[in-house]
Each structure stands twice: as structure tokens, then as C-alpha cells.
Amino acid sequence: MLCDKMGGLKELSLSFMLSIANIMLFPHYTSHISLIIGMATAGLCYGTLPAVFPSLTAGFCGLKNTVQTMVSLTQQGCQWFHWPSYLCSCC
């Protein structure tokens, strides 16, 4: 909803700036409440990328290339399940 009002790039930039500010302030969180708020903010910023990425890809590359990009990223993500076998094989 926010992406529709202000645009995907602006929302992603805002999320990254909020994440950087949160990381810089994390050592100063001394109470449980401030720590919980900091963790919730980190989760919000982390959740922004998967929510905004498909619409940004569709806007920049078109719908056909968006589907191909998502399939490619899914395949690359699934390869990490077999990472120890890639690590141990020499040939």
C-alpha cells in the first residue's frame, strides 16, 4: 500500500535508511521495550524487500522478464539446500 503511494524505490530507500539507523542505535537499547521495538523495526525492514522486489522487477524489466527472474532466483535459492555436497566434491 505504501509502495503504491510513494513508489517502490523510495520505499526501499526509506527501509534501508531506517534499517541503518536501527543498527546504529542497537547498542543504546537498554530496556526490554526498546529492544523489542528495535527487533520489530529490523523485522519490518527485512520484510520490505520481498514485498517490494517483484513490483520493482516488473516495473523495470516487464512482466515476462519478472517471471523468468523469479524462477531463476528460486532455483538459486534452492541450490543452497545442497551446499555441503558442493563443498565436499572436488571434481
Protein backbone atom coordinates (compact mmCIF):
# COMPACT_ATOMS: atom_id res chain seq x y z
CA MET A 1 0.00 0.00 0.00
CA LEU A 2 2.85 2.36 0.83
CA CYS A 3 4.61 1.24 -2.35
CA ASP A 4 1.64 2.42 -4.43
CA LYS A 5 1.62 5.86 -2.80
CA MET A 6 5.32 6.71 -2.80
CA GLY A 7 6.88 4.31 -5.29
CA GLY A 8 8.98 1.20 -4.84
CA LEU A 9 12.41 2.80 -4.99
CA LYS A 10 11.51 5.45 -2.42
CA GLU A 11 10.02 2.82 -0.12
CA LEU A 12 13.09 0.63 -0.44
CA SER A 13 15.38 3.60 0.22
CA LEU A 14 13.34 4.55 3.27
CA SER A 15 13.54 0.97 4.52
CA PHE A 16 17.32 0.85 4.10
CA MET A 17 17.78 4.21 5.87
CA LEU A 18 15.54 3.06 8.73
CA SER A 19 17.50 -0.19 8.94
CA ILE A 20 20.84 1.66 9.09
CA ALA A 21 19.55 3.97 11.81
CA ASN A 22 18.22 0.99 13.76
CA ILE A 23 21.55 -0.85 13.50
CA MET A 24 23.44 2.22 14.70
CA LEU A 25 21.07 2.66 17.66
CA PHE A 26 21.03 -1.01 18.68
CA PRO A 27 23.88 -0.72 21.24
CA HIS A 28 21.90 2.02 23.01
CA TYR A 29 18.79 -0.11 23.53
CA THR A 30 18.96 -0.79 27.28
CA SER A 31 15.42 -1.78 28.27
CA HIS A 32 13.38 -4.72 27.13
CA ILE A 33 10.81 -2.48 25.48
CA SER A 34 13.38 -0.63 23.39
CA LEU A 35 14.99 -3.94 22.38
CA ILE A 36 11.61 -5.32 21.29
CA ILE A 37 10.91 -2.16 19.29
CA GLY A 38 14.36 -2.43 17.68
CA MET A 39 13.78 -6.07 16.75
CA ALA A 40 10.35 -5.26 15.33
CA THR A 41 11.86 -2.45 13.26
CA ALA A 42 14.55 -4.82 11.96
CA GLY A 43 11.86 -7.33 11.01
CA LEU A 44 9.83 -4.66 9.26
CA CYS A 45 12.85 -3.53 7.25
CA TYR A 46 13.78 -7.13 6.42
CA GLY A 47 10.23 -7.86 5.24
CA THR A 48 10.14 -4.87 2.91
CA LEU A 49 12.50 -6.35 0.31
CA PRO A 50 10.46 -9.47 -0.57
CA ALA A 51 7.31 -7.34 -0.66
CA VAL A 52 8.70 -4.64 -2.98
CA PHE A 53 11.11 -6.65 -5.15
CA PRO A 54 8.52 -8.25 -7.52
CA SER A 55 6.82 -4.96 -8.34
CA LEU A 56 10.17 -3.22 -8.89
CA THR A 57 11.30 -6.02 -11.20
CA ALA A 58 8.03 -5.84 -13.14
CA GLY A 59 8.34 -2.08 -13.48
CA PHE A 60 11.93 -2.15 -14.70
CA CYS A 61 12.03 -5.35 -16.76
CA GLY A 62 8.45 -6.09 -17.79
CA LEU A 63 6.17 -8.93 -16.73
CA LYS A 64 7.76 -11.65 -18.89
CA ASN A 65 11.24 -10.99 -17.53
CA THR A 66 9.86 -10.75 -13.99
CA VAL A 67 8.64 -14.34 -14.11
CA GLN A 68 11.99 -15.51 -15.51
CA THR A 69 13.87 -13.57 -12.82
CA MET A 70 11.75 -15.00 -10.00
CA VAL A 71 12.18 -18.56 -11.30
CA SER A 72 15.93 -18.01 -11.58
CA LEU A 73 16.17 -16.64 -8.03
CA THR A 74 14.10 -19.53 -6.71
CA GLN A 75 16.43 -22.01 -8.40
CA GLN A 76 19.48 -20.27 -6.96
CA GLY A 77 17.91 -20.28 -3.51
CA CYS A 78 17.13 -23.99 -3.73
CA GLN A 79 20.74 -24.77 -4.61
CA TRP A 80 21.81 -23.76 -1.10
CA PHE A 81 19.99 -26.81 0.28
CA HIS A 82 22.70 -28.90 -1.43
CA TRP A 83 25.58 -26.67 -0.33
CA PRO A 84 27.52 -29.26 1.74
CA SER A 85 27.64 -31.62 -1.25
CA TYR A 86 29.06 -28.82 -3.43
CA LEU A 87 31.58 -28.00 -0.72
CA CYS A 88 32.84 -31.57 -0.41
CA SER A 89 33.00 -32.52 -4.08
CA CYS A 90 36.34 -31.80 -5.71
CA CYS A 91 35.59 -32.95 -9.24
